[in-house]
Structure formats: C-alpha cells, structure tokens
C-alpha atoms as a PDB file:
ATOM      1  CA  UNK A   1     308.708  -9.318  79.348  1.00  0.00           C
ATOM      2  CA  UNK A   2     308.066 -10.713  82.721  1.00  0.00           C
ATOM      3  CA  UNK A   3     304.634 -10.475  84.887  1.00  0.00           C
ATOM      4  CA  UNK A   4     304.556 -10.879  88.640  1.00  0.00           C
ATOM      5  CA  UNK A   5     301.129 -10.087  90.715  1.00  0.00           C
ATOM      6  CA  UNK A   6     299.019 -11.317  93.234  1.00  0.00           C
ATOM      7  CA  UNK A   7     295.302 -11.723  92.889  1.00  0.00           C
ATOM      8  CA  UNK A   8     292.809 -10.171  94.906  1.00  0.00           C
ATOM      9  CA  UNK A   9     289.818 -11.997  96.374  1.00  0.00           C
ATOM     10  CA  UNK A  10     286.453 -10.354  96.093  1.00  0.00           C
ATOM     11  CA  UNK A  11     285.640  -8.731  99.265  1.00  0.00           C
ATOM     12  CA  UNK A  12     281.657  -8.932  98.705  1.00  0.00           C
ATOM     13  CA  UNK A  13     280.635 -12.639  98.229  1.00  0.00           C
ATOM     14  CA  UNK A  14     277.602 -12.424  95.859  1.00  0.00           C
ATOM     15  CA  UNK A  15     276.546 -16.424  95.760  1.00  0.00           C
ATOM     16  CA  UNK A  16     276.084 -18.744  98.791  1.00  0.00           C
ATOM     17  CA  UNK A  17     279.116 -20.934  99.647  1.00  0.00           C
ATOM     18  CA  UNK A  18     279.310 -23.910  98.162  1.00  0.00           C
ATOM     19  CA  UNK A  19     281.854 -26.674  99.335  1.00  0.00           C
ATOM     20  CA  UNK A  20     283.621 -28.184  96.743  1.00  0.00           C
ATOM     21  CA  UNK A  21     286.884 -31.292  97.282  1.00  0.00           C
ATOM     22  CA  UNK A  22     290.086 -29.217  97.205  1.00  0.00           C
ATOM     23  CA  UNK A  23     291.578 -31.314  94.080  1.00  0.00           C
ATOM     24  CA  UNK A  24     288.308 -29.812  92.065  1.00  0.00           C
ATOM     25  CA  UNK A  25     290.271 -26.258  92.971  1.00  0.00           C
ATOM     26  CA  UNK A  26     293.708 -27.895  92.176  1.00  0.00           C
ATOM     27  CA  UNK A  27     292.546 -28.566  88.663  1.00  0.00           C
ATOM     28  CA  UNK A  28     290.898 -25.696  88.094  1.00  0.00           C
ATOM     29  CA  UNK A  29     294.110 -23.594  88.870  1.00  0.00           C
ATOM     30  CA  UNK A  30     295.989 -26.317  86.205  1.00  0.00           C
ATOM     31  CA  UNK A  31     293.528 -24.965  83.520  1.00  0.00           C
ATOM     32  CA  UNK A  32     293.388 -21.429  85.322  1.00  0.00           C
ATOM     33  CA  UNK A  33     289.466 -21.531  85.113  1.00  0.00           C
ATOM     34  CA  UNK A  34     289.650 -21.258  89.298  1.00  0.00           C
ATOM     35  CA  UNK A  35     287.853 -18.054  89.309  1.00  0.00           C
ATOM     36  CA  UNK A  36     285.377 -19.609  87.763  1.00  0.00           C
ATOM     37  CA  UNK A  37     284.421 -21.581  91.209  1.00  0.00           C
ATOM     38  CA  UNK A  38     282.335 -20.885  93.865  1.00  0.00           C
ATOM     39  CA  UNK A  39     285.065 -19.126  96.584  1.00  0.00           C
ATOM     40  CA  UNK A  40     286.212 -21.864  99.697  1.00  0.00           C
ATOM     41  CA  UNK A  41     284.630 -21.316 102.605  1.00  0.00           C
ATOM     42  CA  UNK A  42     286.310 -18.624 104.997  1.00  0.00           C
ATOM     43  CA  UNK A  43     287.877 -21.172 107.496  1.00  0.00           C
ATOM     44  CA  UNK A  44     289.642 -22.720 104.189  1.00  0.00           C
ATOM     45  CA  UNK A  45     290.664 -19.565 102.534  1.00  0.00           C
ATOM     46  CA  UNK A  46     294.264 -18.780 102.070  1.00  0.00           C
ATOM     47  CA  UNK A  47     296.400 -16.180 100.806  1.00  0.00           C
ATOM     48  CA  UNK A  48     296.317 -16.178  96.658  1.00  0.00           C
ATOM     49  CA  UNK A  49     299.746 -17.519  95.462  1.00  0.00           C
ATOM     50  CA  UNK A  50     301.324 -15.150  93.109  1.00  0.00           C
ATOM     51  CA  UNK A  51     301.245 -15.518  89.596  1.00  0.00           C
ATOM     52  CA  UNK A  52     304.250 -15.341  87.257  1.00  0.00           C
ATOM     53  CA  UNK A  53     303.928 -15.242  83.020  1.00  0.00           C
ATOM     54  CA  UNK A  54     306.871 -14.769  81.078  1.00  0.00           C
ATOM     55  CA  UNK A  55     306.103 -13.594  77.605  1.00  0.00           C
ATOM     56  CA  UNK A  56     308.586 -13.318  74.278  1.00  0.00           C
ATOM     57  CA  UNK A  57     308.057 -10.388  71.709  1.00  0.00           C
ATOM     58  CA  UNK A  58     305.564  -8.645  72.967  1.00  0.00           C
ATOM     59  CA  UNK A  59     305.394  -5.312  70.728  1.00  0.00           C
ATOM     60  CA  UNK A  60     305.260  -1.886  72.541  1.00  0.00           C
ATOM     61  CA  UNK A  61     302.179  -0.990  71.021  1.00  0.00           C
ATOM     62  CA  UNK A  62     300.264  -4.293  72.768  1.00  0.00           C
ATOM     63  CA  UNK A  63     302.221  -4.091  75.900  1.00  0.00           C
ATOM     64  CA  UNK A  64     298.836  -3.543  77.843  1.00  0.00           C
ATOM     65  CA  UNK A  65     297.386  -6.315  76.139  1.00  0.00           C
ATOM     66  CA  UNK A  66     299.281  -8.806  78.838  1.00  0.00           C
ATOM     67  CA  UNK A  67     298.968  -6.840  81.845  1.00  0.00           C
ATOM     68  CA  UNK A  68     296.380  -9.205  84.230  1.00  0.00           C
ATOM     69  CA  UNK A  69     293.274  -7.963  84.709  1.00  0.00           C
ATOM     70  CA  UNK A  70     293.502  -5.674  81.248  1.00  0.00           C
ATOM     71  CA  UNK A  71     290.887  -6.592  78.817  1.00  0.00           C
ATOM     72  CA  UNK A  72     290.818  -5.332  75.465  1.00  0.00           C
ATOM     73  CA  UNK A  73     287.150  -3.354  74.244  1.00  0.00           C
ATOM     74  CA  UNK A  74     285.960  -3.575  70.638  1.00  0.00           C
ATOM     75  CA  UNK A  75     284.931  -0.279  70.489  1.00  0.00           C
ATOM     76  CA  UNK A  76     281.458   0.743  68.755  1.00  0.00           C
ATOM     77  CA  UNK A  77     284.041   3.523  66.808  1.00  0.00           C
ATOM     78  CA  UNK A  78     285.852   0.559  65.346  1.00  0.00           C
ATOM     79  CA  UNK A  79     282.856  -1.198  64.211  1.00  0.00           C
ATOM     80  CA  UNK A  80     281.656   1.791  62.529  1.00  0.00           C
ATOM     81  CA  UNK A  81     284.810   2.098  60.373  1.00  0.00           C
ATOM     82  CA  UNK A  82     284.986  -1.327  59.757  1.00  0.00           C
ATOM     83  CA  UNK A  83     281.330  -0.828  58.176  1.00  0.00           C
ATOM     84  CA  UNK A  84     281.296   2.431  57.132  1.00  0.00           C
ATOM     85  CA  UNK A  85     280.602   1.858  53.210  1.00  0.00           C
ATOM     86  CA  UNK A  86     277.571  -0.349  54.201  1.00  0.00           C
ATOM     87  CA  UNK A  87     276.329   2.244  56.536  1.00  0.00           C
ATOM     88  CA  UNK A  88     276.577   4.854  54.150  1.00  0.00           C
ATOM     89  CA  UNK A  89     275.398   2.772  51.320  1.00  0.00           C
ATOM     90  CA  UNK A  90     272.296   2.145  53.649  1.00  0.00           C
ATOM     91  CA  UNK A  91     271.621   5.925  54.177  1.00  0.00           C
ATOM     92  CA  UNK A  92     271.539   6.419  50.695  1.00  0.00           C
ATOM     93  CA  UNK A  93     269.211   3.661  49.845  1.00  0.00           C
ATOM     94  CA  UNK A  94     266.783   4.935  52.651  1.00  0.00           C
ATOM     95  CA  UNK A  95     266.922   8.549  51.945  1.00  0.00           C
ATOM     96  CA  UNK A  96     265.898   7.750  48.152  1.00  0.00           C
ATOM     97  CA  UNK A  97     262.858   6.213  49.145  1.00  0.00           C
ATOM     98  CA  UNK A  98     259.544   8.424  49.205  1.00  0.00           C
ATOM     99  CA  UNK A  99     257.626   7.481  52.280  1.00  0.00           C
ATOM    100  CA  UNK A 100     253.631   8.840  50.740  1.00  0.00           C
ATOM    101  CA  UNK A 101     252.761   5.043  50.184  1.00  0.00           C
ATOM    102  CA  UNK A 102     252.045   2.572  52.897  1.00  0.00           C
ATOM    103  CA  UNK A 103     253.016  -0.162  50.807  1.00  0.00           C
ATOM    104  CA  UNK A 104     256.515   1.643  50.564  1.00  0.00           C
ATOM    105  CA  UNK A 105     256.372   2.665  54.197  1.00  0.00           C
ATOM    106  CA  UNK A 106     256.208  -1.089  55.526  1.00  0.00           C
ATOM    107  CA  UNK A 107     258.865  -2.216  52.803  1.00  0.00           C
ATOM    108  CA  UNK A 108     261.426   0.726  54.205  1.00  0.00           C
ATOM    109  CA  UNK A 109     260.517  -0.596  57.701  1.00  0.00           C
ATOM    110  CA  UNK A 110     261.201  -4.366  56.906  1.00  0.00           C
ATOM    111  CA  UNK A 111     264.050  -3.521  55.046  1.00  0.00           C
ATOM    112  CA  UNK A 112     265.498  -1.314  58.279  1.00  0.00           C
ATOM    113  CA  UNK A 113     264.716  -4.277  60.880  1.00  0.00           C
ATOM    114  CA  UNK A 114     266.546  -6.848  58.286  1.00  0.00           C
ATOM    115  CA  UNK A 115     269.501  -4.638  58.246  1.00  0.00           C
ATOM    116  CA  UNK A 116     269.952  -3.894  61.543  1.00  0.00           C
ATOM    117  CA  UNK A 117     269.684  -7.727  62.180  1.00  0.00           C
ATOM    118  CA  UNK A 118     272.238  -8.328  59.721  1.00  0.00           C
ATOM    119  CA  UNK A 119     274.497  -5.658  61.461  1.00  0.00           C
ATOM    120  CA  UNK A 120     274.327  -7.264  64.472  1.00  0.00           C
ATOM    121  CA  UNK A 121     274.447 -10.547  63.691  1.00  0.00           C
ATOM    122  CA  UNK A 122     277.821  -9.594  61.745  1.00  0.00           C
ATOM    123  CA  UNK A 123     279.250  -7.610  64.436  1.00  0.00           C
ATOM    124  CA  UNK A 124     279.054 -10.319  66.878  1.00  0.00           C
ATOM    125  CA  UNK A 125     280.797 -12.503  64.692  1.00  0.00           C
ATOM    126  CA  UNK A 126     283.568 -10.058  64.429  1.00  0.00           C
ATOM    127  CA  UNK A 127     283.774  -9.689  68.319  1.00  0.00           C
ATOM    128  CA  UNK A 128     284.032 -13.035  68.603  1.00  0.00           C
ATOM    129  CA  UNK A 129     286.844 -13.236  66.027  1.00  0.00           C
ATOM    130  CA  UNK A 130     288.408 -10.454  67.818  1.00  0.00           C
ATOM    131  CA  UNK A 131     288.516 -12.212  71.355  1.00  0.00           C
ATOM    132  CA  UNK A 132     289.884 -15.525  69.698  1.00  0.00           C
ATOM    133  CA  UNK A 133     292.732 -13.314  67.881  1.00  0.00           C
ATOM    134  CA  UNK A 134     293.511 -11.719  71.241  1.00  0.00           C
ATOM    135  CA  UNK A 135     293.656 -15.210  73.041  1.00  0.00           C
ATOM    136  CA  UNK A 136     295.808 -16.411  70.305  1.00  0.00           C
ATOM    137  CA  UNK A 137     297.821 -13.614  70.587  1.00  0.00           C
ATOM    138  CA  UNK A 138     298.389 -13.887  74.511  1.00  0.00           C
ATOM    139  CA  UNK A 139     298.982 -17.933  74.162  1.00  0.00           C
ATOM    140  CA  UNK A 140     301.705 -17.728  71.163  1.00  0.00           C
ATOM    141  CA  UNK A 141     303.455 -15.200  73.235  1.00  0.00           C
ATOM    142  CA  UNK A 142     303.527 -16.395  76.601  1.00  0.00           C
ATOM    143  CA  UNK A 143     306.355 -18.584  77.133  1.00  0.00           C
ATOM    144  CA  UNK A 144     306.916 -19.591  80.799  1.00  0.00           C
ATOM    145  CA  UNK A 145     304.246 -19.193  83.589  1.00  0.00           C
ATOM    146  CA  UNK A 146     303.930 -19.688  87.367  1.00  0.00           C
ATOM    147  CA  UNK A 147     306.712 -22.393  88.450  1.00  0.00           C
ATOM    148  CA  UNK A 148     308.214 -22.587  85.027  1.00  0.00           C
ATOM    149  CA  UNK A 149     308.351 -18.731  84.619  1.00  0.00           C
ATOM    150  CA  UNK A 150     310.135 -18.867  88.468  1.00  0.00           C
ATOM    151  CA  UNK A 151     312.543 -21.304  87.351  1.00  0.00           C
ATOM    152  CA  UNK A 152     313.091 -19.425  84.156  1.00  0.00           C
ATOM    153  CA  UNK A 153     313.683 -16.007  85.858  1.00  0.00           C
ATOM    154  CA  UNK A 154     316.142 -17.822  88.403  1.00  0.00           C
ATOM    155  CA  UNK A 155     318.337 -19.306  85.469  1.00  0.00           C
ATOM    156  CA  UNK A 156     318.182 -16.205  83.399  1.00  0.00           C
ATOM    157  CA  UNK A 157     319.304 -14.116  86.582  1.00  0.00           C
ATOM    158  CA  UNK A 158     322.282 -16.801  87.129  1.00  0.00           C
ATOM    159  CA  UNK A 159     323.312 -16.398  83.552  1.00  0.00           C
ATOM    160  CA  UNK A 160     323.617 -12.545  83.744  1.00  0.00           C
ATOM    161  CA  UNK A 161     325.408 -12.577  86.805  1.00  0.00           C
ATOM    162  CA  UNK A 162     327.995 -14.844  85.470  1.00  0.00           C
ATOM    163  CA  UNK A 163     328.148 -13.254  82.244  1.00  0.00           C
ATOM    164  CA  UNK A 164     328.518 -10.058  84.333  1.00  0.00           C
ATOM    165  CA  UNK A 165     331.189 -11.425  87.150  1.00  0.00           C
ATOM    166  CA  UNK A 166     333.181 -12.717  83.856  1.00  0.00           C
ATOM    167  CA  UNK A 167     333.359  -9.081  82.733  1.00  0.00           C
ATOM    168  CA  UNK A 168     334.412  -7.650  85.812  1.00  0.00           C
ATOM    169  CA  UNK A 169     337.017 -10.310  86.341  1.00  0.00           C
ATOM    170  CA  UNK A 170     338.737  -9.922  82.894  1.00  0.00           C
ATOM    171  CA  UNK A 171     338.809  -6.149  82.835  1.00  0.00           C
ATOM    172  CA  UNK A 172     340.194  -6.167  86.801  1.00  0.00           C
ATOM    173  CA  UNK A 173     342.858  -8.231  86.379  1.00  0.00           C
ATOM    174  CA  UNK A 174     343.697  -6.291  83.244  1.00  0.00           C
ATOM    175  CA  UNK A 175     343.060  -3.366  85.501  1.00  0.00           C
ATOM    176  CA  UNK A 176     345.658  -4.737  88.151  1.00  0.00           C
ATOM    177  CA  UNK A 177     348.405  -5.286  85.680  1.00  0.00           C
ATOM    178  CA  UNK A 178     348.087  -1.424  84.658  1.00  0.00           C
ATOM    179  CA  UNK A 179     347.735  -0.485  88.180  1.00  0.00           C
ATOM    180  CA  UNK A 180     351.372  -2.338  88.896  1.00  0.00           C
ATOM    181  CA  UNK A 181     353.204   0.035  87.222  1.00  0.00           C
ATOM    182  CA  UNK A 182     351.998   2.976  88.997  1.00  0.00           C
ATOM    183  CA  UNK A 183     353.679   4.176  92.669  1.00  0.00           C
ATOM    184  CA  UNK A 184     351.112   2.275  94.307  1.00  0.00           C
ATOM    185  CA  UNK A 185     349.352  -1.010  93.647  1.00  0.00           C
ATOM    186  CA  UNK A 186     347.087  -1.256  96.657  1.00  0.00           C
ATOM    187  CA  UNK A 187     343.711  -1.117  95.185  1.00  0.00           C
ATOM    188  CA  UNK A 188     340.564  -0.146  97.111  1.00  0.00           C
ATOM    189  CA  UNK A 189     337.239  -1.643  96.682  1.00  0.00           C
ATOM    190  CA  UNK A 190     335.736   1.840  96.621  1.00  0.00           C
ATOM    191  CA  UNK A 191     338.140   3.073  93.340  1.00  0.00           C
ATOM    192  CA  UNK A 192     337.125  -0.348  91.936  1.00  0.00           C
ATOM    193  CA  UNK A 193     333.256   0.301  92.087  1.00  0.00           C
ATOM    194  CA  UNK A 194     334.009   3.970  91.455  1.00  0.00           C
ATOM    195  CA  UNK A 195     335.631   3.838  87.838  1.00  0.00           C
ATOM    196  CA  UNK A 196     334.344  -0.057  87.352  1.00  0.00           C
ATOM    197  CA  UNK A 197     331.401   0.948  84.600  1.00  0.00           C
ATOM    198  CA  UNK A 198     333.586   3.340  82.944  1.00  0.00           C
ATOM    199  CA  UNK A 199     336.874   1.646  82.726  1.00  0.00           C
ATOM    200  CA  UNK A 200     334.609  -1.865  81.832  1.00  0.00           C
ATOM    201  CA  UNK A 201     333.224   0.034  78.382  1.00  0.00           C
ATOM    202  CA  UNK A 202     336.605   1.625  77.602  1.00  0.00           C
ATOM    203  CA  UNK A 203     338.171  -2.042  77.969  1.00  0.00           C
ATOM    204  CA  UNK A 204     335.638  -3.924  76.016  1.00  0.00           C
ATOM    205  CA  UNK A 205     334.817  -0.862  73.619  1.00  0.00           C
ATOM    206  CA  UNK A 206     331.029  -2.051  73.390  1.00  0.00           C
ATOM    207  CA  UNK A 207     328.730  -0.341  70.758  1.00  0.00           C
ATOM    208  CA  UNK A 208     326.531   0.611  73.881  1.00  0.00           C
ATOM    209  CA  UNK A 209     327.766   1.529  76.750  1.00  0.00           C
ATOM    210  CA  UNK A 210     326.744  -0.936  79.658  1.00  0.00           C
ATOM    211  CA  UNK A 211     325.731  -0.422  82.705  1.00  0.00           C
ATOM    212  CA  UNK A 212     326.867  -3.031  85.651  1.00  0.00           C
ATOM    213  CA  UNK A 213     326.761  -3.430  88.778  1.00  0.00           C
ATOM    214  CA  UNK A 214     330.193  -3.706  89.703  1.00  0.00           C
ATOM    215  CA  UNK A 215     329.254  -3.868  93.529  1.00  0.00           C
ATOM    216  CA  UNK A 216     327.103  -7.185  92.817  1.00  0.00           C
ATOM    217  CA  UNK A 217     329.682  -8.525  90.442  1.00  0.00           C
ATOM    218  CA  UNK A 218     332.376  -8.089  93.636  1.00  0.00           C
ATOM    219  CA  UNK A 219     330.424 -10.134  95.649  1.00  0.00           C
ATOM    220  CA  UNK A 220     329.843 -12.423  93.452  1.00  0.00           C
ATOM    221  CA  UNK A 221     333.601 -12.918  92.799  1.00  0.00           C
ATOM    222  CA  UNK A 222     334.134 -13.196  96.416  1.00  0.00           C
ATOM    223  CA  UNK A 223     331.511 -15.974  96.885  1.00  0.00           C
ATOM    224  CA  UNK A 224     333.046 -17.952  93.960  1.00  0.00           C
ATOM    225  CA  UNK A 225     336.441 -17.547  95.432  1.00  0.00           C
ATOM    226  CA  UNK A 226     338.275 -15.675  93.059  1.00  0.00           C
ATOM    227  CA  UNK A 227     338.999 -12.740  94.528  1.00  0.00           C
ATOM    228  CA  UNK A 228     339.774 -11.985  98.390  1.00  0.00           C
ATOM    229  CA  UNK A 229     339.326  -8.857 100.113  1.00  0.00           C
ATOM    230  CA  UNK A 230     340.924  -7.528 103.821  1.00  0.00           C
ATOM    231  CA  UNK A 231     338.613  -8.460 106.595  1.00  0.00           C
ATOM    232  CA  UNK A 232     336.886  -5.118 106.515  1.00  0.00           C
ATOM    233  CA  UNK A 233     336.292  -5.571 102.986  1.00  0.00           C
ATOM    234  CA  UNK A 234     338.320  -2.444 101.668  1.00  0.00           C
ATOM    235  CA  UNK A 235     341.208  -3.679 100.463  1.00  0.00           C
ATOM    236  CA  UNK A 236     341.723  -5.640  97.569  1.00  0.00           C
ATOM    237  CA  UNK A 237     344.413  -8.599  98.490  1.00  0.00           C
ATOM    238  CA  UNK A 238     344.255 -11.330  96.043  1.00  0.00           C
ATOM    239  CA  UNK A 239     342.423 -11.947  92.091  1.00  0.00           C
ATOM    240  CA  UNK A 240     342.840 -15.715  91.273  1.00  0.00           C
ATOM    241  CA  UNK A 241     343.491 -16.360  87.528  1.00  0.00           C
ATOM    242  CA  UNK A 242     344.552 -18.806  85.164  1.00  0.00           C
ATOM    243  CA  UNK A 243     344.732 -22.233  86.459  1.00  0.00           C
ATOM    244  CA  UNK A 244     344.071 -21.239  89.766  1.00  0.00           C
ATOM    245  CA  UNK A 245     340.810 -19.618  88.842  1.00  0.00           C
ATOM    246  CA  UNK A 246     339.863 -22.725  86.733  1.00  0.00           C
ATOM    247  CA  UNK A 247     340.521 -24.964  89.851  1.00  0.00           C
ATOM    248  CA  UNK A 248     338.277 -22.890  91.983  1.00  0.00           C
ATOM    249  CA  UNK A 249     335.885 -22.923  89.909  1.00  0.00           C
ATOM    250  CA  UNK A 250     335.659 -26.679  88.993  1.00  0.00           C
ATOM    251  CA  UNK A 251     335.924 -27.441  93.148  1.00  0.00           C
ATOM    252  CA  UNK A 252     332.993 -25.200  93.625  1.00  0.00           C
ATOM    253  CA  UNK A 253     331.337 -26.839  90.483  1.00  0.00           C
ATOM    254  CA  UNK A 254     331.888 -30.150  92.285  1.00  0.00           C
ATOM    255  CA  UNK A 255     330.781 -29.011  95.795  1.00  0.00           C
ATOM    256  CA  UNK A 256     327.494 -27.898  94.082  1.00  0.00           C
ATOM    257  CA  UNK A 257     326.747 -32.005  93.253  1.00  0.00           C
ATOM    258  CA  UNK A 258     328.795 -33.418  96.333  1.00  0.00           C
ATOM    259  CA  UNK A 259     326.393 -31.328  98.867  1.00  0.00           C
ATOM    260  CA  UNK A 260     323.829 -33.871 100.408  1.00  0.00           C
END
C-alpha cells in the first residue's frame, strides 16, 4: 500500500514566532518531529513537501490505521469490556455492604476511592501499551518513506511496465503469425487495442483474467524500438523478434549508461 499526501499548515498561529536555524528543521524532519517545532517565519515558509509512505502486509481491517492524521482511539466501551468482571465483582461487594454504621460508610467510601484510583492507573497503563502497540504496528509495516518510497514506486512501475511490454510483445508475435494466414495481414493499432486484453488472456490462459493497458504497452514497445507504426500511427509496419529484438534491447541498454 502506497500513501502520498501533502501536509497542510495550520492557518492560526497560536504561539509567537521563534526563529530557529534551518538545520534544526532539517534534523527534525529526518526524525519526523518537525510538527513539534515552532513554524518558520512567514517570509521563510514554503509549501510543505509531499509525504510518501509504502507499507507491506497491511490487513484490510487495519487499513485506516496507516492513513495520515488518523488516530486510533481507545474507547471507554473497550475499557469496560476489558474489566467487566472486575466491575461486576466491585458492584456485588458494594451492594452487600450495609450503610447503617458510620465506620462501614467510611470503609466503603475508602474502598470506592481506592478502587477508582487503581482502575484509573490501570487503564492509563493499558492505554500507553495500546499506543505502543499501534506504533510498533506502523513501524513494522512501513517499508519505504519519502525519497526511498519514491524510488521504490519508480522501480516497481518500471518492472510492471517491462512485464506488460513482454507479455504484449510475445502475444503480438503469435497474433501476427495467425493474421498472416488470413486474406489480409495488415494490422491496425485500433484492432490490436480492441482485441488485445481478451486475446492475451486466451493465449496465456491465466487463472484470473488480467486487465492490461494495451495502448500504453504499445507505446513502450515503440519507445524501445521493437515496434514500428506508420507515420500516422494507425498501421503496424514491423515487429522485431529473435536476435533483432535482443540486439535492439542491448543497444538501448548500452545507451542508457553511455549518455552523459
């Protein structure tokens, strides 16, 4: 799961402006505590940068927990369910006390105060452990952030694009061979895009049908030099395969590292 958002500055500035060196804000941003520092002066303020987070293996039930600015609340109802037996026992003991003696009245009052204090501190510790559990969950599930997440998105996009182009290229080679046996062997780009998804699923016999962007895959193949269309881009002229395709890709790969 990948989240991309831009934080919004608070419009109302409650605290007076305090000037701090820029490196302090840079260090705070690394540890993600920049929101605890006073805002920069208005003359130095810039639009806040985009925040990017990539998470792995997040269950659907906990999906909202990774959203920015989302805060998981430990509800009083949850606390009541956690200590239902304790409350029931306390009420039973309290109801069994007869309030016809001042000493018993005082003893019951002290017992109620002590029970209330114990319950308060108990649930305070439980709430702290709950927050710690949430923080551990987010820390364990996050895989990349900011620049690392951006590079991860680019790499994953390139991998998915190359896989899509490979699938379309192999299917198109087979499709051209079938079309050459028919009366006309002129392939139009519109026809390839129209029948591409259904024919690819028939050709590879996937367990689950794939939804591919055939038009984008054709553009990728053209950019790699494996496909050639007419000037108006409507008719397929050439599909490189075999050694020609390998040499074209090898030259493209070499050009990437030889460019200055």
